[in-house]
Structures are given as C-alpha cells and as structure tokens.
Protein backbone atom coordinates (compact mmCIF):
# COMPACT_ATOMS: atom_id res chain seq x y z
CA MET A 1 12.96 -7.80 -35.69
CA SER A 2 16.25 -9.47 -36.52
CA THR A 3 17.25 -13.07 -37.10
CA ASN A 4 20.28 -15.10 -36.19
CA ALA A 5 21.11 -18.56 -37.49
CA SER A 6 20.99 -21.19 -34.75
CA THR A 7 22.84 -24.47 -34.52
CA THR A 8 21.98 -27.86 -33.11
CA ALA A 9 23.95 -31.05 -32.62
CA SER A 10 23.51 -33.92 -35.07
CA PRO A 11 23.36 -37.52 -33.77
CA SER A 12 27.09 -37.75 -34.48
CA GLY A 13 27.74 -34.68 -32.38
CA ASP A 14 28.59 -32.41 -35.32
CA ALA A 15 27.05 -28.94 -35.37
CA VAL A 16 24.47 -28.36 -38.06
CA VAL A 17 22.55 -25.24 -39.03
CA ALA A 18 18.96 -25.34 -37.79
CA SER A 19 16.26 -25.06 -40.44
CA LEU A 20 14.61 -22.09 -38.76
CA PRO A 21 16.49 -18.94 -37.73
CA VAL A 22 16.11 -17.52 -34.25
CA ARG A 23 14.05 -14.35 -34.26
CA LYS A 24 14.89 -11.40 -32.09
CA TYR A 25 11.78 -9.48 -31.07
CA ARG A 26 11.62 -5.73 -30.47
CA GLY A 27 9.46 -4.56 -27.59
CA ALA A 28 8.27 -1.57 -25.60
CA VAL A 29 7.74 -1.46 -21.84
CA ILE A 30 4.57 0.41 -20.83
CA GLY A 31 4.92 1.74 -17.28
CA LEU A 32 8.26 2.39 -15.58
CA GLY A 33 7.31 1.69 -11.99
CA GLY A 34 8.81 -0.70 -9.47
CA VAL A 35 8.00 -3.99 -11.19
CA ALA A 36 9.42 -2.76 -14.52
CA ARG A 37 12.64 -1.43 -13.04
CA GLY A 38 13.14 -4.12 -10.40
CA SER A 39 12.24 -7.26 -12.35
CA HIS A 40 11.19 -6.86 -15.99
CA ILE A 41 14.03 -4.75 -17.36
CA PRO A 42 16.70 -6.73 -15.44
CA GLY A 43 14.98 -9.89 -16.71
CA PHE A 44 15.35 -8.82 -20.33
CA LEU A 45 19.07 -8.24 -19.70
CA HIS A 46 19.63 -11.25 -17.43
CA ASP A 47 21.47 -13.62 -19.75
CA GLU A 48 22.73 -13.90 -23.29
CA ALA A 49 19.95 -16.24 -24.38
CA THR A 50 17.28 -13.73 -23.35
CA ARG A 51 19.17 -10.77 -24.81
CA ASN A 52 19.41 -12.63 -28.12
CA ARG A 53 15.64 -13.12 -28.24
CA LEU A 54 14.12 -9.91 -26.87
CA GLU A 55 15.19 -6.28 -27.02
CA ILE A 56 13.54 -3.25 -25.43
CA VAL A 57 13.56 -0.41 -27.97
CA ALA A 58 11.15 2.02 -26.28
CA THR A 59 9.38 2.79 -23.02
CA VAL A 60 6.06 4.53 -22.40
CA ASP A 61 5.39 6.54 -19.24
CA ALA A 62 3.79 9.97 -18.96
CA SER A 63 4.86 10.54 -15.35
CA PRO A 64 7.29 13.45 -14.97
CA SER A 65 9.16 11.41 -12.34
CA ALA A 66 9.81 8.48 -14.71
CA VAL A 67 13.54 8.21 -15.36
CA PRO A 68 14.38 7.15 -18.94
CA LEU A 69 16.46 4.06 -19.61
CA ASP A 70 19.90 4.78 -21.01
CA GLY A 71 19.79 4.86 -24.80
CA VAL A 72 16.09 3.94 -25.01
CA PRO A 73 13.49 6.45 -26.27
CA GLN A 74 10.85 7.31 -23.66
CA LEU A 75 7.39 8.16 -24.99
CA GLU A 76 4.57 9.94 -23.18
CA SER A 77 1.73 8.13 -24.96
CA ARG A 78 1.13 4.60 -26.17
CA ASP A 79 0.03 6.08 -29.49
CA ASP A 80 3.56 7.40 -30.00
CA LEU A 81 4.75 3.81 -30.48
CA ARG A 82 3.88 4.25 -34.15
CA LEU A 83 7.01 6.44 -34.32
CA ILE A 84 9.24 3.48 -33.37
CA GLU A 85 10.10 1.12 -36.19
CA ASP A 86 9.17 -2.57 -36.10
CA VAL A 87 7.85 -2.96 -32.55
CA ASP A 88 6.73 -6.59 -32.14
CA PHE A 89 5.40 -6.63 -28.57
CA VAL A 90 4.50 -4.54 -25.55
CA ASP A 91 5.24 -5.39 -21.93
CA ILE A 92 2.48 -3.96 -19.72
CA CYS A 93 3.82 -3.02 -16.27
CA THR A 94 1.05 -0.66 -15.15
CA PRO A 95 -1.47 -0.95 -12.27
CA THR A 96 -4.04 -3.71 -12.60
CA SER A 97 -6.99 -1.46 -13.46
CA SER A 98 -5.37 -0.59 -16.82
CA HIS A 99 -4.49 -4.13 -17.93
CA LEU A 100 -7.65 -4.88 -19.91
CA ASP A 101 -7.68 -1.59 -21.82
CA LEU A 102 -3.98 -1.71 -22.67
CA THR A 103 -4.11 -5.37 -23.69
CA ILE A 104 -7.06 -4.86 -26.05
CA TRP A 105 -5.46 -1.71 -27.48
CA ALA A 106 -2.16 -3.52 -28.10
CA LEU A 107 -3.84 -6.47 -29.83
CA GLU A 108 -5.91 -4.16 -32.03
CA HIS A 109 -2.68 -2.44 -33.09
CA GLY A 110 -0.97 -5.71 -33.98
CA TYR A 111 1.35 -6.13 -30.98
CA HIS A 112 1.98 -9.31 -29.04
CA VAL A 113 1.39 -8.72 -25.33
CA LEU A 114 3.24 -9.58 -22.15
CA CYS A 115 1.17 -8.34 -19.21
CA GLU A 116 1.59 -8.19 -15.46
CA LYS A 117 -0.82 -10.32 -13.48
CA PRO A 118 -3.72 -10.54 -13.33
CA VAL A 119 -4.48 -9.86 -16.96
CA ALA A 120 -8.24 -10.42 -16.54
CA LEU A 121 -10.26 -10.00 -13.35
CA THR A 122 -13.43 -11.71 -14.62
CA THR A 123 -14.48 -14.34 -17.12
CA ALA A 124 -16.04 -11.62 -19.28
CA GLU A 125 -12.70 -9.80 -19.45
CA ALA A 126 -10.91 -13.06 -20.27
CA ARG A 127 -13.34 -13.69 -23.16
CA ARG A 128 -12.76 -10.18 -24.56
CA ILE A 129 -9.00 -10.73 -24.48
CA ALA A 130 -9.30 -14.18 -26.07
CA ASP A 131 -11.49 -12.82 -28.87
CA ALA A 132 -9.07 -9.95 -29.55
CA SER A 133 -6.06 -12.29 -29.46
CA ARG A 134 -7.61 -14.68 -31.98
CA GLU A 135 -8.78 -11.82 -34.20
CA SER A 136 -5.30 -10.28 -34.30
CA GLY A 137 -3.35 -13.54 -34.28
CA ARG A 138 -1.17 -12.19 -31.47
CA VAL A 139 0.00 -13.88 -28.27
CA VAL A 140 -1.05 -12.62 -24.83
CA MET A 141 1.13 -14.02 -22.04
CA PRO A 142 0.47 -13.31 -18.35
CA CYS A 143 3.42 -12.67 -16.06
CA HIS A 144 3.14 -15.92 -14.12
CA GLN A 145 6.84 -15.94 -13.31
CA TYR A 146 6.52 -18.10 -10.19
CA ARG A 147 6.47 -21.04 -12.60
CA TYR A 148 10.20 -20.37 -12.95
CA ASN A 149 10.82 -20.01 -9.21
CA PRO A 150 13.32 -22.85 -8.54
CA VAL A 151 11.45 -24.01 -5.44
CA TRP A 152 8.19 -24.41 -7.32
CA VAL A 153 10.05 -26.14 -10.15
CA GLN A 154 11.49 -28.71 -7.74
CA LEU A 155 8.25 -29.06 -5.80
CA ARG A 156 6.26 -29.80 -8.96
CA ARG A 157 8.93 -32.28 -10.05
CA TRP A 158 8.65 -34.21 -6.78
CA LEU A 159 4.86 -34.27 -6.99
CA ALA A 160 4.97 -35.48 -10.62
CA GLU A 161 7.45 -38.20 -9.68
CA GLY A 162 5.24 -39.38 -6.81
CA ALA A 163 7.91 -38.63 -4.21
CA ILE A 164 5.27 -38.30 -1.46
CA GLY A 165 2.72 -40.65 -2.98
CA ARG A 166 -0.71 -39.25 -3.72
CA TRP A 167 -1.04 -35.89 -2.02
CA HIS A 168 -4.32 -34.99 -0.32
CA LEU A 169 -3.64 -31.69 1.46
CA ALA A 170 -1.86 -28.54 0.29
CA GLU A 171 -1.40 -25.51 2.54
CA LEU A 172 -0.05 -22.26 1.12
CA HIS A 173 0.51 -19.40 3.58
CA VAL A 174 1.93 -16.01 2.60
CA TYR A 175 2.65 -13.37 5.24
CA ARG A 176 3.56 -9.80 4.30
CA LEU A 177 3.62 -6.57 6.31
CA MET A 178 1.86 -4.40 3.74
CA ALA A 179 1.11 -4.09 0.06
CA ASP A 180 4.21 -3.54 -2.04
CA ARG A 181 4.33 0.19 -2.69
CA GLY A 182 6.55 -0.05 -5.78
CA THR A 183 8.14 3.33 -6.46
CA SER A 184 5.28 5.30 -4.90
CA ALA A 185 6.10 7.69 -2.07
CA ASP A 186 2.41 8.09 -1.19
CA SER A 187 1.26 6.95 2.23
CA THR A 188 -1.10 4.37 0.70
CA PRO A 189 0.40 2.00 -1.92
CA TRP A 190 -1.53 1.82 -5.18
CA ARG A 191 -2.13 -1.88 -4.50
CA GLY A 192 -4.24 -0.81 -1.52
CA LEU A 193 -6.57 1.32 -3.65
CA ARG A 194 -9.42 -0.31 -5.55
CA ALA A 195 -9.38 2.31 -8.30
CA ASP A 196 -5.83 1.27 -9.23
CA ALA A 197 -5.61 -2.35 -8.09
CA GLY A 198 -9.12 -3.68 -8.70
CA GLY A 199 -8.86 -5.80 -5.55
CA GLY A 200 -6.54 -6.60 -2.67
CA ILE A 201 -4.13 -9.36 -1.73
CA LEU A 202 -6.36 -12.12 -3.15
CA LEU A 203 -6.11 -10.50 -6.57
CA ASP A 204 -2.48 -9.41 -6.22
CA HIS A 205 -0.30 -12.09 -4.63
CA GLY A 206 -3.19 -14.56 -4.64
CA THR A 207 -2.92 -14.84 -8.41
CA HIS A 208 0.50 -16.48 -8.00
CA LEU A 209 -0.90 -19.07 -5.59
CA ILE A 210 -3.92 -19.71 -7.80
CA TYR A 211 -2.00 -20.53 -10.99
CA SER A 212 0.53 -22.53 -8.97
CA MET A 213 -2.29 -24.70 -7.61
CA LEU A 214 -3.89 -24.96 -11.05
CA ASP A 215 -0.56 -26.17 -12.45
CA THR A 216 -0.39 -28.78 -9.69
CA ALA A 217 -3.97 -30.04 -9.45
CA GLY A 218 -6.05 -28.41 -12.18
CA VAL A 219 -9.15 -26.27 -11.83
CA PRO A 220 -11.06 -27.13 -8.64
CA PRO A 221 -14.74 -28.03 -8.96
CA ARG A 222 -15.55 -25.70 -6.06
CA VAL A 223 -14.00 -22.75 -4.22
CA ARG A 224 -14.76 -21.03 -0.93
CA ALA A 225 -13.23 -17.75 0.15
CA TRP A 226 -13.11 -15.12 2.87
CA THR A 227 -11.65 -11.65 2.55
CA GLY A 228 -11.19 -8.97 5.19
CA LEU A 229 -9.41 -5.81 6.24
CA LEU A 230 -7.51 -6.62 9.43
CA GLN A 231 -5.03 -3.78 9.81
CA HIS A 232 -4.59 -1.26 7.01
CA GLN A 233 -7.60 1.00 7.39
CA ASP A 234 -6.30 3.36 4.70
CA TYR A 235 -6.79 0.56 2.13
CA ASP A 236 -10.18 0.16 0.46
CA VAL A 237 -9.39 -3.44 -0.57
CA GLU A 238 -8.84 -6.57 1.49
CA ASP A 239 -5.48 -6.94 3.23
CA SER A 240 -6.14 -10.60 4.10
CA ALA A 241 -7.82 -13.54 2.40
CA GLN A 242 -8.44 -17.26 2.78
CA LEU A 243 -9.22 -19.48 -0.18
CA LEU A 244 -10.18 -23.17 -0.30
CA PHE A 245 -9.82 -25.30 -3.44
CA GLU A 246 -12.15 -28.28 -2.99
CA TYR A 247 -11.24 -31.31 -5.10
CA PRO A 248 -12.53 -34.88 -4.81
CA GLU A 249 -10.44 -36.41 -2.00
CA ARG A 250 -7.97 -33.51 -1.77
CA LEU A 251 -7.98 -29.95 -0.49
CA GLY A 252 -5.96 -26.82 -1.15
CA VAL A 253 -5.92 -24.20 1.62
CA MET A 254 -4.47 -20.74 1.02
CA PHE A 255 -4.08 -17.85 3.44
CA LEU A 256 -2.56 -14.52 2.47
CA THR A 257 -2.13 -11.35 4.49
CA TRP A 258 -0.60 -7.89 4.31
CA ALA A 259 -1.15 -7.59 8.08
CA ALA A 260 1.73 -9.72 9.40
CA ARG A 261 4.63 -8.74 11.65
CA HIS A 262 7.25 -10.61 9.61
CA ARG A 263 7.61 -11.56 5.95
CA GLU A 264 7.28 -15.32 5.53
CA THR A 265 6.17 -17.97 3.05
CA HIS A 266 5.16 -21.47 4.17
CA ILE A 267 3.94 -24.05 1.68
CA ARG A 268 3.24 -27.68 2.54
CA PHE A 269 2.02 -30.70 0.58
CA ILE A 270 1.04 -33.82 2.53
CA GLY A 271 0.73 -37.18 0.81
CA ASP A 272 0.17 -40.79 1.78
CA GLY A 273 3.91 -41.46 1.48
CA GLY A 274 5.54 -38.29 2.75
CA SER A 275 5.41 -34.51 2.79
CA ILE A 276 7.06 -31.45 1.25
CA ASP A 277 7.64 -28.28 3.26
CA TRP A 278 8.85 -24.92 2.01
CA ILE A 279 9.56 -22.55 4.88
CA GLY A 280 11.42 -19.35 4.12
CA GLY A 281 14.36 -20.34 1.96
CA VAL A 282 14.43 -24.02 2.91
CA LEU A 283 12.73 -26.87 1.04
CA ARG A 284 12.30 -30.19 2.88
CA LEU A 285 11.26 -33.58 1.54
CA GLU A 286 10.15 -36.17 4.10
CA ARG A 287 9.52 -39.76 3.02
CA GLY A 288 9.93 -43.08 4.74
CA GLY A 289 11.00 -41.36 7.94
CA ALA A 290 14.00 -39.70 6.26
CA VAL A 291 14.26 -35.95 5.67
CA GLU A 292 16.20 -34.25 2.89
CA GLU A 293 16.77 -30.50 3.18
CA PHE A 294 17.74 -28.00 0.47
CA ASP A 295 18.65 -24.34 0.94
CA TYR A 296 17.23 -22.06 -1.77
CA SER A 297 17.71 -18.79 0.12
CA ALA A 298 19.93 -17.17 -2.50
CA GLN A 299 17.57 -18.14 -5.34
CA LEU A 300 14.54 -16.68 -3.52
CA ASP A 301 16.05 -13.30 -2.70
CA LYS A 302 14.58 -10.38 -4.65
CA SER A 303 17.92 -10.05 -6.43
CA ALA A 304 17.16 -13.44 -8.05
CA TYR A 305 13.75 -12.40 -9.44
CA PRO A 306 15.16 -11.33 -12.85
CA ALA A 307 16.17 -14.97 -13.45
CA TRP A 308 12.54 -16.05 -13.00
CA PHE A 309 11.42 -13.36 -15.43
CA ALA A 310 14.08 -14.40 -17.94
CA GLY A 311 12.53 -17.89 -17.98
CA LEU A 312 9.11 -16.35 -18.56
CA PHE A 313 10.41 -14.07 -21.31
CA ASN A 314 12.00 -16.95 -23.19
CA ALA A 315 8.71 -18.85 -23.02
CA PHE A 316 7.05 -15.72 -24.45
CA ALA A 317 9.54 -15.62 -27.33
CA ASN A 318 8.89 -19.30 -28.06
CA ALA A 319 5.12 -18.68 -28.07
CA MET A 320 5.59 -15.81 -30.54
CA ASP A 321 7.77 -18.06 -32.72
CA ALA A 322 5.00 -20.66 -32.91
CA ASN A 323 2.16 -18.10 -32.82
CA ASP A 324 0.77 -20.35 -30.08
CA LEU A 325 -2.21 -18.45 -28.68
CA ALA A 326 -4.21 -21.11 -26.84
CA PRO A 327 -2.13 -22.05 -23.76
CA SER A 328 -1.88 -18.51 -22.38
CA LEU A 329 -5.52 -17.72 -23.15
CA ILE A 330 -6.57 -20.83 -21.21
CA ASP A 331 -4.21 -19.80 -18.40
CA ILE A 332 -5.73 -16.31 -18.21
CA ALA A 333 -9.30 -17.68 -18.32
CA ASN A 334 -8.73 -20.29 -15.62
CA VAL A 335 -7.22 -17.76 -13.21
CA ALA A 336 -10.07 -15.34 -13.94
CA VAL A 337 -12.82 -17.90 -13.29
CA VAL A 338 -11.25 -18.82 -9.93
CA LEU A 339 -10.80 -15.17 -8.92
CA GLU A 340 -14.37 -14.38 -9.90
CA GLY A 341 -15.69 -17.37 -7.96
CA ALA A 342 -13.55 -16.57 -4.93
CA TYR A 343 -14.74 -12.97 -4.67
CA GLU A 344 -18.36 -14.06 -5.12
CA SER A 345 -17.90 -16.66 -2.37
CA ALA A 346 -16.40 -14.03 -0.06
CA ARG A 347 -19.35 -11.72 -0.80
CA SER A 348 -22.10 -14.32 -0.45
CA GLY A 349 -20.58 -16.63 2.15
CA ALA A 350 -21.38 -19.65 -0.05
CA ALA A 351 -19.15 -22.03 -1.98
CA GLN A 352 -19.01 -21.42 -5.74
CA GLU A 353 -19.00 -24.06 -8.46
CA ILE A 354 -16.19 -23.53 -10.98
CA GLN A 355 -16.39 -24.36 -14.67
CA ARG A 356 -13.07 -25.14 -16.34
CA ARG A 357 -12.39 -22.84 -19.30
C-alpha cells in the first residue's frame, strides 16, 4: 500500500491539502481467463484515477496456457500470495463454482475481495460470506459493473427524475447466440457446464438484470420463473430463462436466451407519462408525444467495457477506504435470494415469496 496526498478546492477556489491521504491498494488477480484479460486488467489501467488507487502486483493461475502479464509475478497457487509483500485485495476472475471457496479463503487470510458475479448462488452462501466479511473486517464487492454502463446510468436518472411519470411495466430482453466461451477452445463453453458455472443464463447474464431491477424498484415481494434448454444440447444448464418480478401495481418481465440468431438487447420502461426504450445502441425517451433519441453505440461496444469496470474499481477503493462492509453484503444477499427463488419457481412451477435481506 502507498499513499498520496490529495487536494480539494476551498470555498474561495484555492487548493488545500485534504485531511486524509489517498491510499493506493495492492491486489492480485486470481484467474487469467477471458474476463480478466478482456475487462478487469484493462479496467485497472483505464485511467489515471484508477491507476492511482489500485495496482495489480501478482496474478494466480495454474493453467500452463496462462500467459503472464508483463512485469507481474504469476503464481501457481493462491497460497503463494504470502510470498508477495503487502497484498491488500484479491480480484476473483474464476468460474462461478469456485467463487464461494475463494471468497471465504481470501477473507480468512485478511484480503479484501472483488469477485465476479454471482458471488453467492444461495442465501446460505450469502450468509457465510457475510459472516466471514464481518469477522475479518474486509470488504467483499461483487462485479456488478452494469451499474456503470452509461445507458443504465441515464435510464435510472430519468426514472428518478420522473421523466415518464410512475412506471408500471419494465421489459428486459437479452438475446445471445451462445454462452460466452471466454478463452476456452473447448466445444462447450464452461458457462454451459453446471460443474463450472453452477447454472445457466439466468445465473450468468441474469444476475446483471436482477441487480439492475433491484436498483430500480427494490426487492420484489414475489418472483416467477421458467428455465429451459432450447438449442444447445451439449449444455447441462438452461440456455433460456424468463423471470417475472411481481410488485404491487408494477411488473418486471425479463427474458434471456443463448439460443438467438442475432445478438440484441432491448429494455423498455413504460410509465403513465411516457416510455424509455433501449434497443441496441440507441436510447429513446418518449414523453408528451415527443421523442428524444441518443446514440450510445460506441459506449456499449466491448471495447468500452473497461470504463465500466474502472467505475466499479473506484467504488471498491472507496469502500476499502471507509471499511464499508454493509452495502455490498446486502447487494450480494438480495441477488442470491432472488436467484434462489427464481430457480425454485422454475423447478416447482409456482411463484415464490421473497424476503428482503
């Protein structure tokens, strides 16, 4: 860890030295697959503000095909992190089935944790993580980077401002051709295998839609879900899912598939005074018969993902500064209780009551 003095502006406009220095945290990336190389590592390097707050000083990956980062020690075992001086946090970029074990291990060894989603698949897992976080006094932050997607930022702003009045219907549709295979050359992506992924598209991309709806409307009192395998018979998890969030006087409808012909995202909010539509790279606001249109194509391209992660990483640094454990633990628990209820609904065919965590 290192510190740098920070400055702020006084009411007169003169620069003054802030009372608290800015800490720079040293971290290790665990897992050097596609999400680490394509988004996390570029996110840490994205801008000066992020580089001044977080530094990757080691990586952990036992795969013989893992290519080391220039100038960064690559370790074969997580236990070898003891050889690296002053590691403050770990960034877990491994398949979902390993998230719980790695998170608990990291907390027990005194590391803050940044972890790919979902961190917990069940409420029991979320409780174990919360207990370990409080016991160690270390932050656990899920990679919910869509909060920093500029379209979602603008969409939430409009809803908060009442741009379309009180909304009563939200539709979130995500179409993909297959599960993202990451860096795997195998015929079946790891996300299509229960042993690695823990579940299918509802667990994988569905997590992003779930926390986005929770940010917008809170935990729903009731959920209904369907899951199925429509195309990819080599998967042993669902490649398609539908999820209903049932609120008093409003409804959230989500459909996700890895069985589409074209990649597309379509999100719509309908209110009593207008509507918001996000189709592809275009965001439209309709109110009073007038339509405003905004092109976000460049900011939604995969090349822009590191900017979303940089926003997440700076929030992580701020949480470590304040040792603020609660918000992320609540976030993890709320996603877990919805996922657990959704899978139970899909299994039983009945709606499930949800208890806010």
